[in-house]
Amino acid sequence: MSRVNDVGGQQGFGAVHPDPGEAPAFQADWEARVFALQRVLLGRGVYNLDEFRDAVERMPPQDYLASSYYERWLAGIETLLVEKGLLARE
């Protein structure tokens, strides 16, 4: 069964237009913080990359499609921290 993130070969998502000037890696400061948090949690063995990817891919389709790249990362991190009892959903 495919998930919403599995869009390979699907139509209707529009063309990809890479920025010839190569945009900065982060569009906002919070994105850099999410990236750093991800690195720390992986490095400390809180979860592994497969768990993280699965958590992102389990997002409800409407949320996944409406979220930016790092919003998806943050949702995956939050999901795993709640599932592992390190963070309360509230």
PDB file of N, CA and C in Angstrom:
ATOM      1  N   MET A   1       0.845  -1.161   0.000  1.00  0.00           N
ATOM      2  CA  MET A   1       0.000   0.000   0.000  1.00  0.00           C
ATOM      3  C   MET A   1       0.899   1.236   0.000  1.00  0.00           C
ATOM      4  N   SER A   2       0.586   2.183  -0.865  1.00  0.00           N
ATOM      5  CA  SER A   2       1.390   3.402  -0.891  1.00  0.00           C
ATOM      6  C   SER A   2       0.786   4.442   0.050  1.00  0.00           C
ATOM      7  N   ARG A   3       1.646   5.339   0.496  1.00  0.00           N
ATOM      8  CA  ARG A   3       1.224   6.438   1.364  1.00  0.00           C
ATOM      9  C   ARG A   3       1.251   7.727   0.561  1.00  0.00           C
ATOM     10  N   VAL A   4       0.756   8.791   1.151  1.00  0.00           N
ATOM     11  CA  VAL A   4       0.641  10.068   0.451  1.00  0.00           C
ATOM     12  C   VAL A   4       1.992  10.588  -0.028  1.00  0.00           C
ATOM     13  N   ASN A   5       3.078  10.243   0.648  1.00  0.00           N
ATOM     14  CA  ASN A   5       4.398  10.718   0.249  1.00  0.00           C
ATOM     15  C   ASN A   5       4.932  10.011  -0.988  1.00  0.00           C
ATOM     16  N   ASP A   6       4.328   8.876  -1.352  1.00  0.00           N
ATOM     17  CA  ASP A   6       4.794   8.090  -2.489  1.00  0.00           C
ATOM     18  C   ASP A   6       4.155   8.626  -3.767  1.00  0.00           C
ATOM     19  N   VAL A   7       4.725   9.689  -4.311  1.00  0.00           N
ATOM     20  CA  VAL A   7       4.142  10.354  -5.471  1.00  0.00           C
ATOM     21  C   VAL A   7       4.895  10.070  -6.766  1.00  0.00           C
ATOM     22  N   GLY A   8       5.838   9.159  -6.724  1.00  0.00           N
ATOM     23  CA  GLY A   8       6.605   8.822  -7.922  1.00  0.00           C
ATOM     24  C   GLY A   8       5.694   8.396  -9.060  1.00  0.00           C
ATOM     25  N   GLY A   9       5.822   9.047 -10.215  1.00  0.00           N
ATOM     26  CA  GLY A   9       5.047   8.709 -11.393  1.00  0.00           C
ATOM     27  C   GLY A   9       3.636   9.254 -11.398  1.00  0.00           C
ATOM     28  N   GLN A  10       3.232   9.953 -10.345  1.00  0.00           N
ATOM     29  CA  GLN A  10       1.889  10.509 -10.313  1.00  0.00           C
ATOM     30  C   GLN A  10       1.858  11.855 -11.021  1.00  0.00           C
ATOM     31  N   GLN A  11       0.703  12.185 -11.539  1.00  0.00           N
ATOM     32  CA  GLN A  11       0.488  13.439 -12.265  1.00  0.00           C
ATOM     33  C   GLN A  11      -0.180  14.469 -11.360  1.00  0.00           C
ATOM     34  N   GLY A  12      -0.096  15.738 -11.750  1.00  0.00           N
ATOM     35  CA  GLY A  12      -0.856  16.784 -11.084  1.00  0.00           C
ATOM     36  C   GLY A  12      -0.134  17.554 -10.003  1.00  0.00           C
ATOM     37  N   PHE A  13       1.148  17.278  -9.786  1.00  0.00           N
ATOM     38  CA  PHE A  13       1.878  17.995  -8.751  1.00  0.00           C
ATOM     39  C   PHE A  13       2.699  19.149  -9.317  1.00  0.00           C
ATOM     40  N   GLY A  14       2.621  19.351 -10.607  1.00  0.00           N
ATOM     41  CA  GLY A  14       3.341  20.455 -11.234  1.00  0.00           C
ATOM     42  C   GLY A  14       4.808  20.136 -11.444  1.00  0.00           C
ATOM     43  N   ALA A  15       5.422  20.974 -12.251  1.00  0.00           N
ATOM     44  CA  ALA A  15       6.839  20.808 -12.571  1.00  0.00           C
ATOM     45  C   ALA A  15       7.712  21.254 -11.406  1.00  0.00           C
ATOM     46  N   VAL A  16       8.882  20.675 -11.332  1.00  0.00           N
ATOM     47  CA  VAL A  16       9.878  21.090 -10.342  1.00  0.00           C
ATOM     48  C   VAL A  16      10.778  22.107 -11.020  1.00  0.00           C
ATOM     49  N   HIS A  17      10.880  23.274 -10.424  1.00  0.00           N
ATOM     50  CA  HIS A  17      11.706  24.342 -10.983  1.00  0.00           C
ATOM     51  C   HIS A  17      12.820  24.686 -10.000  1.00  0.00           C
ATOM     52  N   PRO A  18      13.986  24.058 -10.146  1.00  0.00           N
ATOM     53  CA  PRO A  18      15.088  24.359  -9.225  1.00  0.00           C
ATOM     54  C   PRO A  18      15.498  25.829  -9.341  1.00  0.00           C
ATOM     55  N   ASP A  19      15.871  26.400  -8.229  1.00  0.00           N
ATOM     56  CA  ASP A  19      16.326  27.784  -8.191  1.00  0.00           C
ATOM     57  C   ASP A  19      17.756  27.840  -8.699  1.00  0.00           C
ATOM     58  N   PRO A  20      17.989  28.523  -9.820  1.00  0.00           N
ATOM     59  CA  PRO A  20      19.353  28.569 -10.353  1.00  0.00           C
ATOM     60  C   PRO A  20      20.338  29.248  -9.404  1.00  0.00           C
ATOM     61  N   GLY A  21      19.845  30.106  -8.513  1.00  0.00           N
ATOM     62  CA  GLY A  21      20.711  30.778  -7.554  1.00  0.00           C
ATOM     63  C   GLY A  21      20.886  29.979  -6.282  1.00  0.00           C
ATOM     64  N   GLU A  22      20.361  28.773  -6.233  1.00  0.00           N
ATOM     65  CA  GLU A  22      20.399  27.905  -5.064  1.00  0.00           C
ATOM     66  C   GLU A  22      20.032  28.650  -3.790  1.00  0.00           C
ATOM     67  N   ALA A  23      18.777  28.552  -3.454  1.00  0.00           N
ATOM     68  CA  ALA A  23      18.257  29.197  -2.249  1.00  0.00           C
ATOM     69  C   ALA A  23      18.998  28.679  -1.022  1.00  0.00           C
ATOM     70  N   PRO A  24      19.006  29.440   0.065  1.00  0.00           N
ATOM     71  CA  PRO A  24      19.657  28.950   1.286  1.00  0.00           C
ATOM     72  C   PRO A  24      19.001  27.661   1.768  1.00  0.00           C
ATOM     73  N   ALA A  25      19.746  26.879   2.504  1.00  0.00           N
ATOM     74  CA  ALA A  25      19.244  25.589   2.987  1.00  0.00           C
ATOM     75  C   ALA A  25      17.998  25.763   3.861  1.00  0.00           C
ATOM     76  N   PHE A  26      17.917  26.869   4.574  1.00  0.00           N
ATOM     77  CA  PHE A  26      16.784  27.109   5.466  1.00  0.00           C
ATOM     78  C   PHE A  26      16.139  28.435   5.092  1.00  0.00           C
ATOM     79  N   GLN A  27      14.831  28.415   4.982  1.00  0.00           N
ATOM     80  CA  GLN A  27      14.082  29.626   4.647  1.00  0.00           C
ATOM     81  C   GLN A  27      13.796  30.471   5.896  1.00  0.00           C
ATOM     82  N   ALA A  28      13.885  29.849   7.066  1.00  0.00           N
ATOM     83  CA  ALA A  28      13.617  30.547   8.331  1.00  0.00           C
ATOM     84  C   ALA A  28      14.477  29.923   9.431  1.00  0.00           C
ATOM     85  N   ASP A  29      14.717  30.691  10.481  1.00  0.00           N
ATOM     86  CA  ASP A  29      15.556  30.213  11.588  1.00  0.00           C
ATOM     87  C   ASP A  29      15.009  28.946  12.242  1.00  0.00           C
ATOM     88  N   TRP A  30      13.670  28.849  12.360  1.00  0.00           N
ATOM     89  CA  TRP A  30      13.094  27.678  13.025  1.00  0.00           C
ATOM     90  C   TRP A  30      13.427  26.397  12.268  1.00  0.00           C
ATOM     91  N   GLU A  31      13.570  26.476  10.947  1.00  0.00           N
ATOM     92  CA  GLU A  31      13.912  25.287  10.175  1.00  0.00           C
ATOM     93  C   GLU A  31      15.302  24.770  10.545  1.00  0.00           C
ATOM     94  N   ALA A  32      16.234  25.674  10.748  1.00  0.00           N
ATOM     95  CA  ALA A  32      17.585  25.279  11.162  1.00  0.00           C
ATOM     96  C   ALA A  32      17.548  24.629  12.544  1.00  0.00           C
ATOM     97  N   ARG A  33      16.682  25.113  13.419  1.00  0.00           N
ATOM     98  CA  ARG A  33      16.562  24.524  14.758  1.00  0.00           C
ATOM     99  C   ARG A  33      15.961  23.118  14.694  1.00  0.00           C
ATOM    100  N   VAL A  34      14.983  22.922  13.817  1.00  0.00           N
ATOM    101  CA  VAL A  34      14.403  21.585  13.647  1.00  0.00           C
ATOM    102  C   VAL A  34      15.468  20.631  13.107  1.00  0.00           C
ATOM    103  N   PHE A  35      16.265  21.086  12.150  1.00  0.00           N
ATOM    104  CA  PHE A  35      17.349  20.277  11.599  1.00  0.00           C
ATOM    105  C   PHE A  35      18.331  19.886  12.702  1.00  0.00           C
ATOM    106  N   ALA A  36      18.716  20.855  13.529  1.00  0.00           N
ATOM    107  CA  ALA A  36      19.662  20.588  14.624  1.00  0.00           C
ATOM    108  C   ALA A  36      19.068  19.618  15.643  1.00  0.00           C
ATOM    109  N   LEU A  37      17.805  19.809  15.979  1.00  0.00           N
ATOM    110  CA  LEU A  37      17.130  18.914  16.920  1.00  0.00           C
ATOM    111  C   LEU A  37      17.122  17.485  16.384  1.00  0.00           C
ATOM    112  N   GLN A  38      16.836  17.349  15.110  1.00  0.00           N
ATOM    113  CA  GLN A  38      16.834  16.025  14.474  1.00  0.00           C
ATOM    114  C   GLN A  38      18.203  15.359  14.601  1.00  0.00           C
ATOM    115  N   ARG A  39      19.259  16.116  14.324  1.00  0.00           N
ATOM    116  CA  ARG A  39      20.623  15.576  14.405  1.00  0.00           C
ATOM    117  C   ARG A  39      20.954  15.111  15.825  1.00  0.00           C
ATOM    118  N   VAL A  40      20.578  15.904  16.815  1.00  0.00           N
ATOM    119  CA  VAL A  40      20.858  15.560  18.208  1.00  0.00           C
ATOM    120  C   VAL A  40      20.097  14.295  18.617  1.00  0.00           C
ATOM    121  N   LEU A  41      18.808  14.242  18.288  1.00  0.00           N
ATOM    122  CA  LEU A  41      17.996  13.083  18.680  1.00  0.00           C
ATOM    123  C   LEU A  41      18.480  11.807  17.998  1.00  0.00           C
ATOM    124  N   LEU A  42      18.846  11.891  16.736  1.00  0.00           N
ATOM    125  CA  LEU A  42      19.410  10.720  16.050  1.00  0.00           C
ATOM    126  C   LEU A  42      20.749  10.332  16.666  1.00  0.00           C
ATOM    127  N   GLY A  43      21.593  11.321  16.912  1.00  0.00           N
ATOM    128  CA  GLY A  43      22.921  11.069  17.468  1.00  0.00           C
ATOM    129  C   GLY A  43      22.890  10.448  18.852  1.00  0.00           C
ATOM    130  N   ARG A  44      21.881  10.781  19.621  1.00  0.00           N
ATOM    131  CA  ARG A  44      21.749  10.225  20.975  1.00  0.00           C
ATOM    132  C   ARG A  44      20.983   8.912  20.997  1.00  0.00           C
ATOM    133  N   GLY A  45      20.542   8.451  19.833  1.00  0.00           N
ATOM    134  CA  GLY A  45      19.851   7.173  19.752  1.00  0.00           C
ATOM    135  C   GLY A  45      18.425   7.187  20.270  1.00  0.00           C
ATOM    136  N   VAL A  46      17.813   8.367  20.334  1.00  0.00           N
ATOM    137  CA  VAL A  46      16.428   8.451  20.793  1.00  0.00           C
ATOM    138  C   VAL A  46      15.520   7.686  19.825  1.00  0.00           C
ATOM    139  N   TYR A  47      15.822   7.786  18.555  1.00  0.00           N
ATOM    140  CA  TYR A  47      15.151   7.009  17.512  1.00  0.00           C
ATOM    141  C   TYR A  47      16.125   6.879  16.360  1.00  0.00           C
ATOM    142  N   ASN A  48      15.780   6.034  15.400  1.00  0.00           N
ATOM    143  CA  ASN A  48      16.660   5.889  14.248  1.00  0.00           C
ATOM    144  C   ASN A  48      15.999   6.480  12.999  1.00  0.00           C
ATOM    145  N   LEU A  49      16.741   6.538  11.929  1.00  0.00           N
ATOM    146  CA  LEU A  49      16.267   7.185  10.711  1.00  0.00           C
ATOM    147  C   LEU A  49      15.043   6.485  10.124  1.00  0.00           C
ATOM    148  N   ASP A  50      14.997   5.169  10.212  1.00  0.00           N
ATOM    149  CA  ASP A  50      13.828   4.448   9.707  1.00  0.00           C
ATOM    150  C   ASP A  50      12.570   4.800  10.501  1.00  0.00           C
ATOM    151  N   GLU A  51      12.708   4.897  11.817  1.00  0.00           N
ATOM    152  CA  GLU A  51      11.568   5.292  12.652  1.00  0.00           C
ATOM    153  C   GLU A  51      11.110   6.703  12.295  1.00  0.00           C
ATOM    154  N   PHE A  52      12.074   7.584  12.100  1.00  0.00           N
ATOM    155  CA  PHE A  52      11.742   8.969  11.772  1.00  0.00           C
ATOM    156  C   PHE A  52      10.992   9.043  10.444  1.00  0.00           C
ATOM    157  N   ARG A  53      11.517   8.377   9.436  1.00  0.00           N
ATOM    158  CA  ARG A  53      10.870   8.422   8.122  1.00  0.00           C
ATOM    159  C   ARG A  53       9.456   7.858   8.205  1.00  0.00           C
ATOM    160  N   ASP A  54       9.289   6.758   8.938  1.00  0.00           N
ATOM    161  CA  ASP A  54       7.961   6.180   9.093  1.00  0.00           C
ATOM    162  C   ASP A  54       7.014   7.152   9.792  1.00  0.00           C
ATOM    163  N   ALA A  55       7.497   7.847  10.809  1.00  0.00           N
ATOM    164  CA  ALA A  55       6.653   8.807  11.528  1.00  0.00           C
ATOM    165  C   ALA A  55       6.193   9.932  10.600  1.00  0.00           C
ATOM    166  N   VAL A  56       7.086  10.426   9.765  1.00  0.00           N
ATOM    167  CA  VAL A  56       6.712  11.472   8.804  1.00  0.00           C
ATOM    168  C   VAL A  56       5.685  10.918   7.818  1.00  0.00           C
ATOM    169  N   GLU A  57       5.921   9.727   7.323  1.00  0.00           N
ATOM    170  CA  GLU A  57       5.044   9.141   6.313  1.00  0.00           C
ATOM    171  C   GLU A  57       3.677   8.743   6.866  1.00  0.00           C
ATOM    172  N   ARG A  58       3.556   8.644   8.182  1.00  0.00           N
ATOM    173  CA  ARG A  58       2.261   8.323   8.815  1.00  0.00           C
ATOM    174  C   ARG A  58       1.386   9.550   9.029  1.00  0.00           C
ATOM    175  N   MET A  59       1.892  10.724   8.673  1.00  0.00           N
ATOM    176  CA  MET A  59       1.068  11.929   8.824  1.00  0.00           C
ATOM    177  C   MET A  59      -0.217  11.764   8.022  1.00  0.00           C
ATOM    178  N   PRO A  60      -1.336  12.309   8.517  1.00  0.00           N
ATOM    179  CA  PRO A  60      -2.561  12.278   7.716  1.00  0.00           C
ATOM    180  C   PRO A  60      -2.301  12.962   6.360  1.00  0.00           C
ATOM    181  N   PRO A  61      -2.827  12.380   5.281  1.00  0.00           N
ATOM    182  CA  PRO A  61      -2.537  12.921   3.949  1.00  0.00           C
ATOM    183  C   PRO A  61      -2.774  14.419   3.807  1.00  0.00           C
ATOM    184  N   GLN A  62      -3.862  14.920   4.368  1.00  0.00           N
ATOM    185  CA  GLN A  62      -4.159  16.352   4.225  1.00  0.00           C
ATOM    186  C   GLN A  62      -3.102  17.199   4.943  1.00  0.00           C
ATOM    187  N   ASP A  63      -2.593  16.723   6.073  1.00  0.00           N
ATOM    188  CA  ASP A  63      -1.547  17.445   6.801  1.00  0.00           C
ATOM    189  C   ASP A  63      -0.218  17.352   6.059  1.00  0.00           C
ATOM    190  N   TYR A  64       0.092  16.167   5.558  1.00  0.00           N
ATOM    191  CA  TYR A  64       1.345  15.964   4.821  1.00  0.00           C
ATOM    192  C   TYR A  64       1.417  16.908   3.619  1.00  0.00           C
ATOM    193  N   LEU A  65       0.349  16.946   2.837  1.00  0.00           N
ATOM    194  CA  LEU A  65       0.348  17.759   1.617  1.00  0.00           C
ATOM    195  C   LEU A  65       0.330  19.255   1.904  1.00  0.00           C
ATOM    196  N   ALA A  66      -0.190  19.648   3.056  1.00  0.00           N
ATOM    197  CA  ALA A  66      -0.269  21.067   3.408  1.00  0.00           C
ATOM    198  C   ALA A  66       0.984  21.563   4.135  1.00  0.00           C
ATOM    199  N   SER A  67       1.906  20.665   4.456  1.00  0.00           N
ATOM    200  CA  SER A  67       3.079  21.023   5.252  1.00  0.00           C
ATOM    201  C   SER A  67       4.312  21.211   4.392  1.00  0.00           C
ATOM    202  N   SER A  68       5.184  22.081   4.876  1.00  0.00           N
ATOM    203  CA  SER A  68       6.483  22.253   4.233  1.00  0.00           C
ATOM    204  C   SER A  68       7.408  21.110   4.670  1.00  0.00           C
ATOM    205  N   TYR A  69       8.565  21.036   4.055  1.00  0.00           N
ATOM    206  CA  TYR A  69       9.542  19.985   4.340  1.00  0.00           C
ATOM    207  C   TYR A  69       9.868  19.906   5.828  1.00  0.00           C
ATOM    208  N   TYR A  70      10.241  21.036   6.422  1.00  0.00           N
ATOM    209  CA  TYR A  70      10.627  21.007   7.836  1.00  0.00           C
ATOM    210  C   TYR A  70       9.425  20.956   8.770  1.00  0.00           C
ATOM    211  N   GLU A  71       8.248  21.353   8.333  1.00  0.00           N
ATOM    212  CA  GLU A  71       7.046  21.118   9.133  1.00  0.00           C
ATOM    213  C   GLU A  71       6.791  19.615   9.250  1.00  0.00           C
ATOM    214  N   ARG A  72       7.060  18.882   8.178  1.00  0.00           N
ATOM    215  CA  ARG A  72       6.923  17.421   8.218  1.00  0.00           C
ATOM    216  C   ARG A  72       7.946  16.827   9.175  1.00  0.00           C
ATOM    217  N   TRP A  73       9.169  17.329   9.134  1.00  0.00           N
ATOM    218  CA  TRP A  73      10.203  16.850  10.065  1.00  0.00           C
ATOM    219  C   TRP A  73       9.751  17.071  11.505  1.00  0.00           C
ATOM    220  N   LEU A  74       9.254  18.278  11.799  1.00  0.00           N
ATOM    221  CA  LEU A  74       8.826  18.593  13.153  1.00  0.00           C
ATOM    222  C   LEU A  74       7.684  17.684  13.587  1.00  0.00           C
ATOM    223  N   ALA A  75       6.737  17.428  12.702  1.00  0.00           N
ATOM    224  CA  ALA A  75       5.628  16.529  13.028  1.00  0.00           C
ATOM    225  C   ALA A  75       6.149  15.125  13.320  1.00  0.00           C
ATOM    226  N   GLY A  76       7.112  14.653  12.539  1.00  0.00           N
ATOM    227  CA  GLY A  76       7.700  13.334  12.781  1.00  0.00           C
ATOM    228  C   GLY A  76       8.417  13.266  14.115  1.00  0.00           C
ATOM    229  N   ILE A  77       9.183  14.298  14.429  1.00  0.00           N
ATOM    230  CA  ILE A  77       9.896  14.357  15.717  1.00  0.00           C
ATOM    231  C   ILE A  77       8.893  14.339  16.866  1.00  0.00           C
ATOM    232  N   GLU A  78       7.866  15.177  16.776  1.00  0.00           N
ATOM    233  CA  GLU A  78       6.856  15.237  17.832  1.00  0.00           C
ATOM    234  C   GLU A  78       6.179  13.877  18.015  1.00  0.00           C
ATOM    235  N   THR A  79       5.813  13.248  16.912  1.00  0.00           N
ATOM    236  CA  THR A  79       5.155  11.942  16.975  1.00  0.00           C
ATOM    237  C   THR A  79       6.028  10.930  17.709  1.00  0.00           C
ATOM    238  N   LEU A  80       7.288  10.853  17.341  1.00  0.00           N
ATOM    239  CA  LEU A  80       8.184   9.872  17.972  1.00  0.00           C
ATOM    240  C   LEU A  80       8.425  10.176  19.445  1.00  0.00           C
ATOM    241  N   LEU A  81       8.576  11.435  19.790  1.00  0.00           N
ATOM    242  CA  LEU A  81       8.817  11.777  21.198  1.00  0.00           C
ATOM    243  C   LEU A  81       7.602  11.451  22.058  1.00  0.00           C
ATOM    244  N   VAL A  82       6.398  11.631  21.507  1.00  0.00           N
ATOM    245  CA  VAL A  82       5.186  11.256  22.236  1.00  0.00           C
ATOM    246  C   VAL A  82       5.109   9.732  22.363  1.00  0.00           C
ATOM    247  N   GLU A  83       5.338   9.026  21.256  1.00  0.00           N
ATOM    248  CA  GLU A  83       5.270   7.562  21.266  1.00  0.00           C
ATOM    249  C   GLU A  83       6.288   6.947  22.214  1.00  0.00           C
ATOM    250  N   LYS A  84       7.420   7.590  22.386  1.00  0.00           N
ATOM    251  CA  LYS A  84       8.461   7.061  23.266  1.00  0.00           C
ATOM    252  C   LYS A  84       8.326   7.568  24.704  1.00  0.00           C
ATOM    253  N   GLY A  85       7.269   8.336  24.971  1.00  0.00           N
ATOM    254  CA  GLY A  85       6.990   8.807  26.318  1.00  0.00           C
ATOM    255  C   GLY A  85       7.899   9.939  26.784  1.00  0.00           C
ATOM    256  N   LEU A  86       8.558  10.617  25.860  1.00  0.00           N
ATOM    257  CA  LEU A  86       9.461  11.705  26.215  1.00  0.00           C
ATOM    258  C   LEU A  86       8.805  13.075  26.115  1.00  0.00           C
ATOM    259  N   LEU A  87       7.609  13.114  25.554  1.00  0.00           N
ATOM    260  CA  LEU A  87       6.887  14.365  25.348  1.00  0.00           C
ATOM    261  C   LEU A  87       5.408  14.075  25.475  1.00  0.00           C
ATOM    262  N   ALA A  88       4.673  14.953  26.111  1.00  0.00           N
ATOM    263  CA  ALA A  88       3.213  14.798  26.196  1.00  0.00           C
ATOM    264  C   ALA A  88       2.575  15.497  25.004  1.00  0.00           C
ATOM    265  N   ARG A  89       1.546  14.916  24.430  1.00  0.00           N
ATOM    266  CA  ARG A  89       0.879  15.499  23.261  1.00  0.00           C
ATOM    267  C   ARG A  89       0.389  16.926  23.555  1.00  0.00           C
ATOM    268  N   GLU A  90      -0.025  17.163  24.782  1.00  0.00           N
ATOM    269  CA  GLU A  90      -0.508  18.494  25.149  1.00  0.00           C
ATOM    270  C   GLU A  90       0.584  19.514  24.962  1.00  0.00           C
TER     271      GLU A  90
END
